[in-house]
Amino acid sequence: MKNLVAKKIRLERLKQNLSQQNMADELGITAAAYSNLERGVSDITISRLFEVSRILSKTPQWFIEETPNSNEFFENNLVESGMKHDLLILQKEMEFLKHQLSSMHLQLTKK
């Protein structure tokens, strides 16, 4: 249950384009403490869940409820949050940079 709540918090934060620092500031905690909540390292208290719910405009129950197919839920929300798109862009950029690096290496070894 703890990991489900943490994953839903993270995905909803990303969908709303909020940083971990934004959330930490709203909650009055450090970014490290917030990160621990979001990763499921620290247990989230009921009062903290209510605060997070208020910030993200969701009910506390929404974070707790299991979805019929959790994997499908997270897959769909990854797409909605743009993370898959961002990952594809980063992969293309890495390929481009590898190509540039290889070309530069060839130029340096010719001299």
N, C-alpha and C. Protein backbone atom coordinates (compact mmCIF):
# COMPACT_ATOMS: atom_id res chain seq x y z
N MET A 1 0.84 -1.20 0.00
CA MET A 1 0.00 0.00 0.00
C MET A 1 0.88 1.25 0.00
N LYS A 2 1.95 1.24 0.82
CA LYS A 2 2.81 2.42 0.92
C LYS A 2 3.39 2.79 -0.44
N ASN A 3 3.85 1.79 -1.20
CA ASN A 3 4.44 2.08 -2.51
C ASN A 3 3.40 2.57 -3.50
N LEU A 4 2.17 2.07 -3.41
CA LEU A 4 1.10 2.53 -4.28
C LEU A 4 0.83 4.01 -4.04
N VAL A 5 0.72 4.40 -2.78
CA VAL A 5 0.47 5.81 -2.43
C VAL A 5 1.63 6.67 -2.93
N ALA A 6 2.85 6.23 -2.68
CA ALA A 6 4.03 6.99 -3.10
C ALA A 6 4.06 7.17 -4.62
N LYS A 7 3.77 6.10 -5.37
CA LYS A 7 3.78 6.18 -6.83
C LYS A 7 2.71 7.13 -7.33
N LYS A 8 1.52 7.05 -6.73
CA LYS A 8 0.44 7.93 -7.17
C LYS A 8 0.77 9.39 -6.88
N ILE A 9 1.38 9.65 -5.73
CA ILE A 9 1.78 11.02 -5.40
C ILE A 9 2.77 11.53 -6.44
N ARG A 10 3.77 10.73 -6.75
CA ARG A 10 4.79 11.14 -7.72
C ARG A 10 4.18 11.42 -9.09
N LEU A 11 3.35 10.49 -9.57
CA LEU A 11 2.76 10.67 -10.89
C LEU A 11 1.86 11.90 -10.95
N GLU A 12 1.08 12.11 -9.90
CA GLU A 12 0.19 13.27 -9.90
C GLU A 12 1.00 14.57 -9.84
N ARG A 13 2.08 14.57 -9.05
CA ARG A 13 2.96 15.75 -8.98
C ARG A 13 3.53 16.06 -10.37
N LEU A 14 3.99 15.03 -11.06
CA LEU A 14 4.57 15.22 -12.39
C LEU A 14 3.52 15.70 -13.38
N LYS A 15 2.32 15.15 -13.32
CA LYS A 15 1.24 15.57 -14.22
C LYS A 15 0.93 17.06 -14.03
N GLN A 16 1.10 17.55 -12.81
CA GLN A 16 0.80 18.94 -12.52
C GLN A 16 2.03 19.85 -12.65
N ASN A 17 3.11 19.28 -13.17
CA ASN A 17 4.35 20.03 -13.40
C ASN A 17 4.88 20.70 -12.14
N LEU A 18 4.83 19.99 -11.04
CA LEU A 18 5.38 20.49 -9.79
C LEU A 18 6.68 19.75 -9.50
N SER A 19 7.65 20.46 -8.98
CA SER A 19 8.91 19.81 -8.60
C SER A 19 8.80 19.27 -7.18
N GLN A 20 9.74 18.43 -6.82
CA GLN A 20 9.80 17.95 -5.44
C GLN A 20 10.02 19.13 -4.50
N GLN A 21 10.80 20.10 -4.93
CA GLN A 21 11.04 21.28 -4.10
C GLN A 21 9.75 22.07 -3.89
N ASN A 22 8.92 22.19 -4.94
CA ASN A 22 7.61 22.87 -4.79
C ASN A 22 6.79 22.18 -3.71
N MET A 23 6.73 20.86 -3.79
CA MET A 23 5.94 20.09 -2.82
C MET A 23 6.51 20.26 -1.41
N ALA A 24 7.82 20.16 -1.30
CA ALA A 24 8.47 20.29 0.01
C ALA A 24 8.17 21.66 0.61
N ASP A 25 8.26 22.70 -0.20
CA ASP A 25 7.97 24.05 0.27
C ASP A 25 6.53 24.17 0.77
N GLU A 26 5.60 23.62 0.01
CA GLU A 26 4.19 23.67 0.40
C GLU A 26 3.94 22.91 1.71
N LEU A 27 4.69 21.82 1.89
CA LEU A 27 4.51 20.99 3.09
C LEU A 27 5.34 21.47 4.28
N GLY A 28 6.26 22.39 4.02
CA GLY A 28 7.11 22.90 5.10
C GLY A 28 8.16 21.89 5.56
N ILE A 29 8.64 21.09 4.60
CA ILE A 29 9.69 20.10 4.91
C ILE A 29 10.82 20.26 3.91
N THR A 30 11.91 19.56 4.13
CA THR A 30 13.03 19.63 3.20
C THR A 30 12.72 18.82 1.94
N ALA A 31 13.42 19.13 0.87
CA ALA A 31 13.26 18.38 -0.37
C ALA A 31 13.65 16.92 -0.16
N ALA A 32 14.67 16.68 0.67
CA ALA A 32 15.11 15.31 0.96
C ALA A 32 14.02 14.54 1.69
N ALA A 33 13.36 15.19 2.64
CA ALA A 33 12.28 14.53 3.38
C ALA A 33 11.12 14.23 2.45
N TYR A 34 10.81 15.16 1.55
CA TYR A 34 9.73 14.91 0.59
C TYR A 34 10.10 13.76 -0.34
N SER A 35 11.33 13.76 -0.82
CA SER A 35 11.78 12.69 -1.71
C SER A 35 11.62 11.33 -1.04
N ASN A 36 11.93 11.26 0.25
CA ASN A 36 11.76 10.00 0.99
C ASN A 36 10.30 9.56 1.03
N LEU A 37 9.38 10.52 1.16
CA LEU A 37 7.95 10.19 1.14
C LEU A 37 7.55 9.65 -0.23
N GLU A 38 8.00 10.33 -1.26
CA GLU A 38 7.60 9.98 -2.61
C GLU A 38 8.20 8.65 -3.06
N ARG A 39 9.36 8.31 -2.55
CA ARG A 39 9.99 7.03 -2.90
C ARG A 39 9.53 5.89 -2.01
N GLY A 40 8.71 6.21 -1.01
CA GLY A 40 8.22 5.17 -0.11
C GLY A 40 9.23 4.77 0.95
N VAL A 41 10.30 5.56 1.10
CA VAL A 41 11.32 5.28 2.12
C VAL A 41 10.75 5.61 3.50
N SER A 42 10.08 6.74 3.60
CA SER A 42 9.43 7.16 4.85
C SER A 42 7.93 6.90 4.74
N ASP A 43 7.34 6.49 5.84
CA ASP A 43 5.89 6.31 5.88
C ASP A 43 5.22 7.68 5.86
N ILE A 44 4.11 7.76 5.15
CA ILE A 44 3.35 9.01 5.11
C ILE A 44 2.27 8.94 6.19
N THR A 45 2.18 9.98 6.99
CA THR A 45 1.16 10.03 8.03
C THR A 45 -0.17 10.43 7.40
N ILE A 46 -1.24 10.18 8.13
CA ILE A 46 -2.57 10.56 7.66
C ILE A 46 -2.64 12.08 7.46
N SER A 47 -2.11 12.84 8.41
CA SER A 47 -2.17 14.30 8.28
C SER A 47 -1.36 14.77 7.08
N ARG A 48 -0.21 14.15 6.82
CA ARG A 48 0.62 14.53 5.67
C ARG A 48 -0.10 14.15 4.37
N LEU A 49 -0.78 13.00 4.36
CA LEU A 49 -1.53 12.59 3.18
C LEU A 49 -2.64 13.61 2.87
N PHE A 50 -3.28 14.12 3.91
CA PHE A 50 -4.30 15.14 3.70
C PHE A 50 -3.68 16.41 3.13
N GLU A 51 -2.49 16.78 3.59
CA GLU A 51 -1.82 17.97 3.06
C GLU A 51 -1.46 17.79 1.59
N VAL A 52 -0.91 16.62 1.27
CA VAL A 52 -0.54 16.31 -0.12
C VAL A 52 -1.79 16.32 -0.99
N SER A 53 -2.87 15.74 -0.48
CA SER A 53 -4.14 15.71 -1.22
C SER A 53 -4.64 17.11 -1.53
N ARG A 54 -4.53 18.00 -0.56
CA ARG A 54 -4.96 19.39 -0.75
C ARG A 54 -4.12 20.05 -1.85
N ILE A 55 -2.80 19.86 -1.78
CA ILE A 55 -1.89 20.49 -2.75
C ILE A 55 -2.17 19.98 -4.16
N LEU A 56 -2.41 18.68 -4.29
CA LEU A 56 -2.59 18.07 -5.60
C LEU A 56 -4.06 18.00 -6.04
N SER A 57 -4.95 18.56 -5.22
CA SER A 57 -6.38 18.59 -5.53
C SER A 57 -6.97 17.20 -5.79
N LYS A 58 -6.62 16.28 -4.94
CA LYS A 58 -7.15 14.91 -4.98
C LYS A 58 -7.66 14.57 -3.59
N THR A 59 -8.50 13.57 -3.49
CA THR A 59 -8.94 13.12 -2.17
C THR A 59 -7.90 12.16 -1.62
N PRO A 60 -7.78 12.08 -0.30
CA PRO A 60 -6.85 11.09 0.28
C PRO A 60 -7.19 9.67 -0.18
N GLN A 61 -8.48 9.39 -0.34
CA GLN A 61 -8.90 8.07 -0.79
C GLN A 61 -8.35 7.73 -2.17
N TRP A 62 -8.24 8.73 -3.04
CA TRP A 62 -7.73 8.49 -4.39
C TRP A 62 -6.32 7.91 -4.34
N PHE A 63 -5.51 8.37 -3.40
CA PHE A 63 -4.14 7.88 -3.30
C PHE A 63 -4.08 6.47 -2.73
N ILE A 64 -5.07 6.11 -1.93
CA ILE A 64 -5.07 4.83 -1.24
C ILE A 64 -5.70 3.71 -2.07
N GLU A 65 -6.72 4.07 -2.84
CA GLU A 65 -7.47 3.06 -3.60
C GLU A 65 -6.60 2.37 -4.64
N GLU A 66 -6.73 1.04 -4.67
CA GLU A 66 -6.09 0.26 -5.72
C GLU A 66 -6.88 0.46 -7.01
N THR A 67 -6.19 0.50 -8.11
CA THR A 67 -6.88 0.56 -9.39
C THR A 67 -7.07 -0.87 -9.89
N PRO A 68 -8.06 -1.11 -10.76
CA PRO A 68 -8.28 -2.48 -11.23
C PRO A 68 -7.02 -3.12 -11.80
N ASN A 69 -6.24 -2.37 -12.54
CA ASN A 69 -4.99 -2.89 -13.10
C ASN A 69 -3.91 -1.84 -12.85
N SER A 70 -3.20 -2.00 -11.75
CA SER A 70 -2.22 -0.99 -11.33
C SER A 70 -1.15 -0.74 -12.39
N ASN A 71 -0.67 -1.80 -13.04
CA ASN A 71 0.37 -1.61 -14.06
C ASN A 71 -0.14 -0.76 -15.21
N GLU A 72 -1.38 -1.02 -15.63
CA GLU A 72 -1.97 -0.24 -16.71
C GLU A 72 -2.15 1.22 -16.27
N PHE A 73 -2.57 1.42 -15.04
CA PHE A 73 -2.73 2.77 -14.50
C PHE A 73 -1.42 3.54 -14.58
N PHE A 74 -0.33 2.93 -14.11
CA PHE A 74 0.95 3.63 -14.10
C PHE A 74 1.49 3.83 -15.51
N GLU A 75 1.26 2.86 -16.40
CA GLU A 75 1.68 2.99 -17.79
C GLU A 75 0.96 4.16 -18.44
N ASN A 76 -0.36 4.24 -18.27
CA ASN A 76 -1.14 5.32 -18.85
C ASN A 76 -0.73 6.67 -18.29
N ASN A 77 -0.47 6.73 -17.00
CA ASN A 77 -0.08 8.00 -16.39
C ASN A 77 1.32 8.41 -16.76
N LEU A 78 2.19 7.45 -17.03
CA LEU A 78 3.52 7.79 -17.53
C LEU A 78 3.40 8.50 -18.87
N VAL A 79 2.52 7.98 -19.72
CA VAL A 79 2.31 8.60 -21.02
C VAL A 79 1.75 10.01 -20.82
N GLU A 80 0.73 10.13 -19.96
CA GLU A 80 0.10 11.43 -19.72
C GLU A 80 1.07 12.44 -19.15
N SER A 81 1.97 12.00 -18.30
CA SER A 81 2.88 12.93 -17.66
C SER A 81 3.99 13.39 -18.60
N GLY A 82 4.07 12.78 -19.76
CA GLY A 82 5.09 13.19 -20.73
C GLY A 82 6.44 12.56 -20.47
N MET A 83 6.53 11.70 -19.48
CA MET A 83 7.82 11.11 -19.16
C MET A 83 8.33 10.22 -20.28
N LYS A 84 7.44 9.47 -20.92
CA LYS A 84 7.87 8.61 -22.03
C LYS A 84 8.39 9.47 -23.16
N HIS A 85 7.69 10.55 -23.46
CA HIS A 85 8.12 11.45 -24.52
C HIS A 85 9.49 12.03 -24.19
N ASP A 86 9.66 12.48 -22.95
CA ASP A 86 10.94 13.03 -22.51
C ASP A 86 12.05 12.00 -22.63
N LEU A 87 11.74 10.76 -22.30
CA LEU A 87 12.73 9.69 -22.38
C LEU A 87 13.17 9.47 -23.82
N LEU A 88 12.22 9.46 -24.74
CA LEU A 88 12.55 9.29 -26.16
C LEU A 88 13.43 10.43 -26.66
N ILE A 89 13.13 11.64 -26.26
CA ILE A 89 13.95 12.80 -26.66
C ILE A 89 15.37 12.65 -26.11
N LEU A 90 15.48 12.26 -24.85
CA LEU A 90 16.80 12.08 -24.25
C LEU A 90 17.59 10.98 -24.95
N GLN A 91 16.92 9.90 -25.33
CA GLN A 91 17.59 8.81 -26.03
C GLN A 91 18.13 9.29 -27.38
N LYS A 92 17.33 10.07 -28.09
CA LYS A 92 17.78 10.61 -29.39
C LYS A 92 18.95 11.57 -29.20
N GLU A 93 18.87 12.40 -28.17
CA GLU A 93 19.97 13.33 -27.89
C GLU A 93 21.25 12.57 -27.55
N MET A 94 21.11 11.49 -26.80
CA MET A 94 22.29 10.69 -26.44
C MET A 94 22.92 10.07 -27.69
N GLU A 95 22.09 9.57 -28.60
CA GLU A 95 22.61 9.00 -29.85
C GLU A 95 23.35 10.07 -30.66
N PHE A 96 22.78 11.25 -30.74
CA PHE A 96 23.40 12.35 -31.45
C PHE A 96 24.75 12.71 -30.83
N LEU A 97 24.78 12.80 -29.49
CA LEU A 97 26.02 13.13 -28.79
C LEU A 97 27.08 12.03 -28.96
N LYS A 98 26.66 10.79 -28.95
CA LYS A 98 27.59 9.69 -29.19
C LYS A 98 28.21 9.81 -30.57
N HIS A 99 27.37 10.14 -31.55
CA HIS A 99 27.85 10.31 -32.92
C HIS A 99 28.85 11.46 -33.00
N GLN A 100 28.54 12.58 -32.35
CA GLN A 100 29.45 13.73 -32.34
C GLN A 100 30.77 13.36 -31.67
N LEU A 101 30.67 12.66 -30.56
CA LEU A 101 31.87 12.26 -29.83
C LEU A 101 32.74 11.34 -30.67
N SER A 102 32.10 10.43 -31.36
CA SER A 102 32.84 9.51 -32.23
C SER A 102 33.54 10.27 -33.36
N SER A 103 32.83 11.24 -33.95
CA SER A 103 33.42 12.06 -35.02
C SER A 103 34.60 12.86 -34.50
N MET A 104 34.46 13.44 -33.32
CA MET A 104 35.56 14.22 -32.73
C MET A 104 36.75 13.33 -32.43
N HIS A 105 36.47 12.14 -31.95
CA HIS A 105 37.55 11.20 -31.65
C HIS A 105 38.33 10.85 -32.93
N LEU A 106 37.60 10.61 -34.00
CA LEU A 106 38.25 10.31 -35.29
C LEU A 106 39.10 11.47 -35.76
N GLN A 107 38.60 12.70 -35.62
CA GLN A 107 39.36 13.88 -36.03
C GLN A 107 40.64 14.02 -35.21
N LEU A 108 40.54 13.76 -33.92
CA LEU A 108 41.72 13.90 -33.04
C LEU A 108 42.76 12.82 -33.34
N THR A 109 42.33 11.63 -33.67
CA THR A 109 43.29 10.55 -33.93
C THR A 109 43.95 10.69 -35.29
N LYS A 110 43.36 11.44 -36.23
CA LYS A 110 43.95 11.68 -37.55
C LYS A 110 45.10 12.68 -37.47
N LYS A 111 45.10 13.54 -36.45
CA LYS A 111 46.12 14.60 -36.37
C LYS A 111 47.39 14.09 -35.81
